[in-house]
C-alpha cells in the first residue's frame, strides 16, 4: 500500500540539506513495519528506510 504525505513542515525548497517533518494520515490497523521511500525527480531508484 502507498501513502502520500499530507503536510510538510520545515525548510523551504532549495539548498543541499532539508530539515523538517512529513505528516501522514494515521494508518489503521497499525502495521508490523513501515518502509519509507523517498525518490526525487530524475532518480532511478528511491532511497528507503525500513522501521
C-alpha atoms as a PDB file:
ATOM      1  CA  UNK A   1       0.000   0.000   0.000  1.00  0.00           C
ATOM      2  CA  UNK A   2       1.278   3.514  -0.771  1.00  0.00           C
ATOM      3  CA  UNK A   3       0.542   6.614   1.305  1.00  0.00           C
ATOM      4  CA  UNK A   4       1.406  10.183   0.381  1.00  0.00           C
ATOM      5  CA  UNK A   5       2.235  12.812   2.986  1.00  0.00           C
ATOM      6  CA  UNK A   6      -0.470  15.336   3.797  1.00  0.00           C
ATOM      7  CA  UNK A   7       1.845  18.026   5.166  1.00  0.00           C
ATOM      8  CA  UNK A   8       5.474  19.187   5.147  1.00  0.00           C
ATOM      9  CA  UNK A   9       6.661  21.409   7.969  1.00  0.00           C
ATOM     10  CA  UNK A  10      10.261  22.527   7.664  1.00  0.00           C
ATOM     11  CA  UNK A  11      12.821  24.091   5.377  1.00  0.00           C
ATOM     12  CA  UNK A  12      11.602  25.536   2.064  1.00  0.00           C
ATOM     13  CA  UNK A  13      12.817  24.105  -1.281  1.00  0.00           C
ATOM     14  CA  UNK A  14      16.419  24.854  -2.217  1.00  0.00           C
ATOM     15  CA  UNK A  15      19.712  24.232  -0.521  1.00  0.00           C
ATOM     16  CA  UNK A  16      21.562  20.962  -0.033  1.00  0.00           C
ATOM     17  CA  UNK A  17      20.053  19.516   3.168  1.00  0.00           C
ATOM     18  CA  UNK A  18      16.444  19.867   4.295  1.00  0.00           C
ATOM     19  CA  UNK A  19      15.201  19.522   7.855  1.00  0.00           C
ATOM     20  CA  UNK A  20      11.556  19.050   8.650  1.00  0.00           C
ATOM     21  CA  UNK A  21       8.671  16.723   9.347  1.00  0.00           C
ATOM     22  CA  UNK A  22       6.428  14.852   6.920  1.00  0.00           C
ATOM     23  CA  UNK A  23       2.940  14.237   8.284  1.00  0.00           C
ATOM     24  CA  UNK A  24       0.775  11.300   7.153  1.00  0.00           C
ATOM     25  CA  UNK A  25      -2.791  10.311   7.917  1.00  0.00           C
ATOM     26  CA  UNK A  26      -2.967   7.601  10.610  1.00  0.00           C
ATOM     27  CA  UNK A  27      -2.736   4.017   9.324  1.00  0.00           C
ATOM     28  CA  UNK A  28      -5.218   1.622  10.864  1.00  0.00           C
ATOM     29  CA  UNK A  29      -4.739  -1.091  11.863  1.00  0.00           C
ATOM     30  CA  UNK A  30      -1.112  -0.374  12.737  1.00  0.00           C
ATOM     31  CA  UNK A  31       1.233  -2.412  10.512  1.00  0.00           C
ATOM     32  CA  UNK A  32       4.089  -4.538  11.873  1.00  0.00           C
ATOM     33  CA  UNK A  33       6.550  -2.411   9.874  1.00  0.00           C
ATOM     34  CA  UNK A  34       6.684   0.654   7.633  1.00  0.00           C
ATOM     35  CA  UNK A  35       9.103   1.359   4.780  1.00  0.00           C
ATOM     36  CA  UNK A  36       9.699   4.992   3.869  1.00  0.00           C
ATOM     37  CA  UNK A  37      10.754   5.545   0.243  1.00  0.00           C
ATOM     38  CA  UNK A  38      11.873   8.945  -0.988  1.00  0.00           C
ATOM     39  CA  UNK A  39      12.536   9.497  -4.675  1.00  0.00           C
ATOM     40  CA  UNK A  40      13.477  12.786  -6.285  1.00  0.00           C
ATOM     41  CA  UNK A  41      12.700  13.622  -9.888  1.00  0.00           C
ATOM     42  CA  UNK A  42      15.356  12.115 -12.133  1.00  0.00           C
ATOM     43  CA  UNK A  43      16.469   9.417  -9.662  1.00  0.00           C
ATOM     44  CA  UNK A  44      16.152   5.863 -10.949  1.00  0.00           C
ATOM     45  CA  UNK A  45      15.901   4.205  -7.501  1.00  0.00           C
ATOM     46  CA  UNK A  46      14.242   5.550  -4.361  1.00  0.00           C
ATOM     47  CA  UNK A  47      16.065   5.778  -1.055  1.00  0.00           C
ATOM     48  CA  UNK A  48      14.402   3.661   1.591  1.00  0.00           C
ATOM     49  CA  UNK A  49      14.350   3.052   5.324  1.00  0.00           C
ATOM     50  CA  UNK A  50      12.530   0.158   6.978  1.00  0.00           C
ATOM     51  CA  UNK A  51      11.178   0.709  10.505  1.00  0.00           C
END
